[in-house]
């Protein structure tokens, strides 16, 4: 019952899902084109544009530097994993993960000191 209400409230229909998948695909294609010959989205250094893209795409790519502990891969529906796989080799994905690696501040522990980073 709750699932049906949520689907209705957010207008989740097969048609809207297909349209949204097309929109995401178009956005990734455009971003990949922008990132073809540059390190950052705007200019030659990290900017709000990079921060925004990284923040919005984090749930899809689950960077380890993010403070969220993402659910295990096997807990996601197959359709979500298949959708992620479509974009797994994109410049955009690599850009998002690199922004977290290179521009995310180290985590602080309970005392306010930099937390130890696990060895890679």
Protein backbone atom coordinates (compact mmCIF):
# COMPACT_ATOMS: atom_id res chain seq x y z
CA UNK A 1 0.00 0.00 0.00
CA UNK A 2 2.78 2.46 0.94
CA UNK A 3 4.74 1.54 -2.20
CA UNK A 4 1.72 2.29 -4.37
CA UNK A 5 1.19 5.65 -2.67
CA UNK A 6 4.83 6.61 -3.18
CA UNK A 7 4.65 5.58 -6.85
CA UNK A 8 1.55 7.72 -7.24
CA UNK A 9 2.95 10.68 -5.31
CA UNK A 10 6.17 10.77 -7.38
CA UNK A 11 4.46 9.74 -10.62
CA UNK A 12 6.67 6.67 -10.97
CA UNK A 13 5.45 5.02 -14.13
CA UNK A 14 7.23 2.91 -16.73
CA UNK A 15 7.00 5.84 -19.14
CA UNK A 16 8.52 8.31 -16.66
CA UNK A 17 11.27 5.86 -15.71
CA UNK A 18 12.21 5.50 -19.39
CA UNK A 19 12.21 9.29 -19.85
CA UNK A 20 14.37 9.79 -16.78
CA UNK A 21 16.82 7.11 -17.91
CA UNK A 22 17.12 8.95 -21.23
CA UNK A 23 17.74 12.21 -19.37
CA UNK A 24 20.50 10.68 -17.25
CA UNK A 25 22.08 9.13 -20.34
CA UNK A 26 22.03 12.49 -22.13
CA UNK A 27 23.54 14.22 -19.09
CA UNK A 28 26.36 11.67 -18.85
CA UNK A 29 27.07 12.00 -22.57
CA UNK A 30 27.27 15.79 -22.28
CA UNK A 31 29.44 15.63 -19.16
CA UNK A 32 31.74 13.08 -20.79
CA UNK A 33 32.16 15.45 -23.74
CA UNK A 34 32.96 18.34 -21.39
CA UNK A 35 35.53 16.23 -19.53
CA UNK A 36 37.17 14.90 -22.68
CA UNK A 37 40.04 17.39 -22.66
CA UNK A 38 39.88 18.93 -19.22
CA UNK A 39 40.50 18.03 -15.64
CA UNK A 40 37.62 20.05 -14.16
CA UNK A 41 34.16 21.03 -15.38
CA UNK A 42 34.81 24.79 -15.27
CA UNK A 43 38.23 26.34 -15.54
CA UNK A 44 41.47 24.77 -14.40
CA UNK A 45 40.68 24.06 -10.75
CA UNK A 46 38.09 22.48 -8.49
CA UNK A 47 34.88 24.54 -8.43
CA UNK A 48 31.28 24.46 -7.27
CA UNK A 49 30.40 22.68 -10.50
CA UNK A 50 32.68 19.76 -9.62
CA UNK A 51 31.43 19.74 -6.04
CA UNK A 52 27.80 19.70 -7.17
CA UNK A 53 28.31 16.89 -9.67
CA UNK A 54 30.22 14.83 -7.10
CA UNK A 55 27.56 15.36 -4.44
CA UNK A 56 24.65 14.52 -6.75
CA UNK A 57 26.34 11.47 -8.27
CA UNK A 58 27.72 10.07 -5.00
CA UNK A 59 24.77 7.74 -4.34
CA UNK A 60 25.26 6.18 -7.77
CA UNK A 61 29.04 5.68 -7.43
CA UNK A 62 29.37 5.36 -3.63
CA UNK A 63 32.87 6.81 -3.22
CA UNK A 64 34.69 5.28 -0.24
CA UNK A 65 35.71 8.77 0.95
CA UNK A 66 32.03 9.72 1.41
CA UNK A 67 30.76 9.73 4.99
CA UNK A 68 27.77 7.53 4.11
CA UNK A 69 28.10 3.81 4.59
CA UNK A 70 26.37 2.55 1.47
CA UNK A 71 24.34 -0.68 1.49
CA UNK A 72 26.06 -3.77 0.11
CA UNK A 73 25.84 -4.15 -3.67
CA UNK A 74 23.75 -7.31 -3.40
CA UNK A 75 21.02 -5.38 -1.57
CA UNK A 76 20.33 -3.18 -4.59
CA UNK A 77 17.75 -4.30 -7.16
CA UNK A 78 19.20 -5.85 -10.32
CA UNK A 79 17.76 -2.97 -12.37
CA UNK A 80 19.79 -0.43 -10.39
CA UNK A 81 23.00 -2.41 -10.79
CA UNK A 82 22.33 -2.78 -14.55
CA UNK A 83 21.73 0.96 -14.81
CA UNK A 84 24.98 1.72 -12.95
CA UNK A 85 26.85 -0.70 -15.22
CA UNK A 86 25.83 1.37 -18.26
CA UNK A 87 27.90 4.28 -16.93
CA UNK A 88 30.71 2.41 -15.18
CA UNK A 89 33.35 3.26 -17.80
CA UNK A 90 32.46 6.92 -18.27
CA UNK A 91 34.70 9.92 -17.73
CA UNK A 92 31.95 11.32 -15.54
CA UNK A 93 32.14 8.40 -13.10
CA UNK A 94 35.92 8.68 -12.96
CA UNK A 95 35.62 12.44 -12.41
CA UNK A 96 33.21 11.99 -9.50
CA UNK A 97 35.43 9.41 -7.81
CA UNK A 98 38.53 11.54 -8.39
CA UNK A 99 36.84 14.61 -6.87
CA UNK A 100 36.24 12.62 -3.69
CA UNK A 101 39.77 11.20 -3.66
CA UNK A 102 41.51 14.51 -4.29
CA UNK A 103 39.23 17.12 -2.73
CA UNK A 104 37.50 15.48 0.20
CA UNK A 105 38.97 16.55 3.54
CA UNK A 106 40.19 13.74 5.78
CA UNK A 107 37.68 12.55 8.36
CA UNK A 108 38.04 13.65 11.96
CA UNK A 109 37.73 11.26 14.87
CA UNK A 110 35.67 11.94 18.01
CA UNK A 111 38.49 14.10 19.45
CA UNK A 112 38.67 16.28 16.35
CA UNK A 113 41.95 14.76 15.17
CA UNK A 114 42.40 13.42 11.67
CA UNK A 115 41.24 9.82 11.63
CA UNK A 116 43.62 7.15 10.43
CA UNK A 117 43.08 6.24 6.80
CA UNK A 118 43.10 2.51 6.07
CA UNK A 119 45.98 1.38 3.86
CA UNK A 120 44.95 0.76 0.25
